[in-house]
Amino acid sequence: VERINFVAEQVGNIDLPGVKAMINRLIDDGVSGPKELVEGCLDLMGPIEVSEQTLGLLTDHASKAGDLQTGTEEERTEFGKRVGEMLQLIVASQEYQLC
């Protein structure tokens, strides 16, 4: 549990340079939908292959907040928060722990 919490804290800190770089890469790649967010974050974290069930749960979670926008500073900040949250969910997954 401590390992998961440590990693989740790190990837959830959107002020860290490495996390900022991942956020910027997703923005540059034009990620705008929940499914793209999940796939992009999985790719950046490994790439990590997850089960269909995990993929569905991650996508469902990402879908709750709708599409992503990055046109304004406020939208980019929200985008970053959502990326950090998704990265935290990924590192807490069983598949991430086994890789």
C-alpha atoms as a PDB file:
ATOM      1  CA  VAL A   1       0.000   0.000   0.000  1.00  0.00           C
ATOM      2  CA  GLU A   2       2.843   2.400   0.809  1.00  0.00           C
ATOM      3  CA  ARG A   3       4.354   1.863  -2.650  1.00  0.00           C
ATOM      4  CA  ILE A   4       1.039   2.619  -4.335  1.00  0.00           C
ATOM      5  CA  ASN A   5       0.492   5.707  -2.208  1.00  0.00           C
ATOM      6  CA  PHE A   6       4.008   6.999  -2.900  1.00  0.00           C
ATOM      7  CA  VAL A   7       3.719   6.604  -6.663  1.00  0.00           C
ATOM      8  CA  ALA A   8       0.171   7.986  -6.713  1.00  0.00           C
ATOM      9  CA  GLU A   9       1.350  11.046  -4.809  1.00  0.00           C
ATOM     10  CA  GLN A  10       4.168  11.609  -7.294  1.00  0.00           C
ATOM     11  CA  VAL A  11       2.148  11.227 -10.503  1.00  0.00           C
ATOM     12  CA  GLY A  12      -0.719  13.215  -9.025  1.00  0.00           C
ATOM     13  CA  ASN A  13       1.551  16.198  -8.361  1.00  0.00           C
ATOM     14  CA  ILE A  14       0.968  18.171 -11.553  1.00  0.00           C
ATOM     15  CA  ASP A  15       3.625  20.685 -10.535  1.00  0.00           C
ATOM     16  CA  LEU A  16       6.464  18.170 -10.925  1.00  0.00           C
ATOM     17  CA  PRO A  17       8.452  18.664 -14.166  1.00  0.00           C
ATOM     18  CA  GLY A  18       7.959  15.080 -15.371  1.00  0.00           C
ATOM     19  CA  VAL A  19       4.218  15.179 -14.811  1.00  0.00           C
ATOM     20  CA  LYS A  20       4.013  18.587 -16.494  1.00  0.00           C
ATOM     21  CA  ALA A  21       5.857  17.116 -19.491  1.00  0.00           C
ATOM     22  CA  MET A  22       3.325  14.289 -19.722  1.00  0.00           C
ATOM     23  CA  ILE A  23       0.434  16.761 -19.510  1.00  0.00           C
ATOM     24  CA  ASN A  24       1.987  18.908 -22.241  1.00  0.00           C
ATOM     25  CA  ARG A  25       2.549  15.883 -24.447  1.00  0.00           C
ATOM     26  CA  LEU A  26      -1.110  14.924 -24.175  1.00  0.00           C
ATOM     27  CA  ILE A  27      -2.103  18.504 -25.006  1.00  0.00           C
ATOM     28  CA  ASP A  28       0.270  18.498 -27.987  1.00  0.00           C
ATOM     29  CA  ASP A  29      -1.201  15.167 -29.121  1.00  0.00           C
ATOM     30  CA  GLY A  30      -4.655  16.784 -29.168  1.00  0.00           C
ATOM     31  CA  VAL A  31      -6.225  14.551 -26.522  1.00  0.00           C
ATOM     32  CA  SER A  32      -9.791  15.754 -26.086  1.00  0.00           C
ATOM     33  CA  GLY A  33     -11.974  12.786 -25.202  1.00  0.00           C
ATOM     34  CA  PRO A  34     -12.122  10.460 -22.212  1.00  0.00           C
ATOM     35  CA  LYS A  35     -11.018   7.386 -24.164  1.00  0.00           C
ATOM     36  CA  GLU A  36      -8.066   9.288 -25.651  1.00  0.00           C
ATOM     37  CA  LEU A  37      -7.140  10.471 -22.161  1.00  0.00           C
ATOM     38  CA  VAL A  38      -7.051   6.926 -20.805  1.00  0.00           C
ATOM     39  CA  GLU A  39      -5.127   5.542 -23.782  1.00  0.00           C
ATOM     40  CA  GLY A  40      -2.662   8.435 -23.751  1.00  0.00           C
ATOM     41  CA  CYS A  41      -1.980   8.102 -20.031  1.00  0.00           C
ATOM     42  CA  LEU A  42      -1.548   4.323 -20.302  1.00  0.00           C
ATOM     43  CA  ASP A  43       0.929   4.829 -23.124  1.00  0.00           C
ATOM     44  CA  LEU A  44       2.898   7.437 -21.184  1.00  0.00           C
ATOM     45  CA  MET A  45       3.088   5.231 -18.101  1.00  0.00           C
ATOM     46  CA  GLY A  46       4.609   2.242 -19.810  1.00  0.00           C
ATOM     47  CA  PRO A  47       2.948   1.480 -22.123  1.00  0.00           C
ATOM     48  CA  ILE A  48       0.738  -0.611 -19.890  1.00  0.00           C
ATOM     49  CA  GLU A  49      -1.713  -3.193 -21.120  1.00  0.00           C
ATOM     50  CA  VAL A  50      -4.788  -3.460 -18.938  1.00  0.00           C
ATOM     51  CA  SER A  51      -7.724  -5.821 -18.976  1.00  0.00           C
ATOM     52  CA  GLU A  52     -10.926  -4.838 -20.733  1.00  0.00           C
ATOM     53  CA  GLN A  53     -12.538  -4.479 -17.320  1.00  0.00           C
ATOM     54  CA  THR A  54      -9.866  -2.048 -16.069  1.00  0.00           C
ATOM     55  CA  LEU A  55      -9.950  -0.137 -19.344  1.00  0.00           C
ATOM     56  CA  GLY A  56     -13.723   0.170 -19.028  1.00  0.00           C
ATOM     57  CA  LEU A  57     -13.528   1.383 -15.443  1.00  0.00           C
ATOM     58  CA  LEU A  58     -10.862   3.972 -16.300  1.00  0.00           C
ATOM     59  CA  THR A  59     -12.829   5.174 -19.321  1.00  0.00           C
ATOM     60  CA  ASP A  60     -16.066   5.346 -17.335  1.00  0.00           C
ATOM     61  CA  HIS A  61     -14.317   7.435 -14.700  1.00  0.00           C
ATOM     62  CA  ALA A  62     -12.817   9.746 -17.319  1.00  0.00           C
ATOM     63  CA  SER A  63     -16.208  10.096 -19.017  1.00  0.00           C
ATOM     64  CA  LYS A  64     -17.886  11.464 -15.889  1.00  0.00           C
ATOM     65  CA  ALA A  65     -16.260  14.867 -16.427  1.00  0.00           C
ATOM     66  CA  GLY A  66     -16.869  14.904 -20.189  1.00  0.00           C
ATOM     67  CA  ASP A  67     -14.573  16.036 -22.970  1.00  0.00           C
ATOM     68  CA  LEU A  68     -11.375  17.921 -22.307  1.00  0.00           C
ATOM     69  CA  GLN A  69     -10.583  21.433 -23.476  1.00  0.00           C
ATOM     70  CA  THR A  70      -7.216  23.205 -23.524  1.00  0.00           C
ATOM     71  CA  GLY A  71      -7.988  26.555 -25.156  1.00  0.00           C
ATOM     72  CA  THR A  72      -7.729  28.702 -22.042  1.00  0.00           C
ATOM     73  CA  GLU A  73      -5.429  28.676 -19.026  1.00  0.00           C
ATOM     74  CA  GLU A  74      -8.308  27.533 -16.839  1.00  0.00           C
ATOM     75  CA  GLU A  75      -9.060  24.644 -19.216  1.00  0.00           C
ATOM     76  CA  ARG A  76      -5.381  23.621 -19.293  1.00  0.00           C
ATOM     77  CA  THR A  77      -5.318  23.636 -15.487  1.00  0.00           C
ATOM     78  CA  GLU A  78      -8.407  21.414 -15.366  1.00  0.00           C
ATOM     79  CA  PHE A  79      -6.885  19.187 -18.058  1.00  0.00           C
ATOM     80  CA  GLY A  80      -3.762  18.799 -15.925  1.00  0.00           C
ATOM     81  CA  LYS A  81      -5.799  17.863 -12.863  1.00  0.00           C
ATOM     82  CA  ARG A  82      -7.668  15.225 -14.830  1.00  0.00           C
ATOM     83  CA  VAL A  83      -4.405  13.804 -16.180  1.00  0.00           C
ATOM     84  CA  GLY A  84      -2.954  13.640 -12.665  1.00  0.00           C
ATOM     85  CA  GLU A  85      -6.059  11.882 -11.407  1.00  0.00           C
ATOM     86  CA  MET A  86      -5.970   9.370 -14.270  1.00  0.00           C
ATOM     87  CA  LEU A  87      -2.290   8.646 -13.656  1.00  0.00           C
ATOM     88  CA  GLN A  88      -3.104   7.989  -9.997  1.00  0.00           C
ATOM     89  CA  LEU A  89      -5.828   5.532 -10.960  1.00  0.00           C
ATOM     90  CA  ILE A  90      -3.475   3.760 -13.362  1.00  0.00           C
ATOM     91  CA  VAL A  91      -0.691   3.307 -10.816  1.00  0.00           C
ATOM     92  CA  ALA A  92      -3.250   1.902  -8.358  1.00  0.00           C
ATOM     93  CA  SER A  93      -4.386  -0.718 -10.881  1.00  0.00           C
ATOM     94  CA  GLN A  94      -3.485  -4.375 -10.542  1.00  0.00           C
ATOM     95  CA  GLU A  95      -1.888  -4.356 -13.998  1.00  0.00           C
ATOM     96  CA  TYR A  96       0.493  -1.527 -13.082  1.00  0.00           C
ATOM     97  CA  GLN A  97       1.517  -3.322  -9.909  1.00  0.00           C
ATOM     98  CA  LEU A  98       2.401  -6.437 -11.907  1.00  0.00           C
ATOM     99  CA  CYS A  99       4.592  -4.685 -14.473  1.00  0.00           C
END
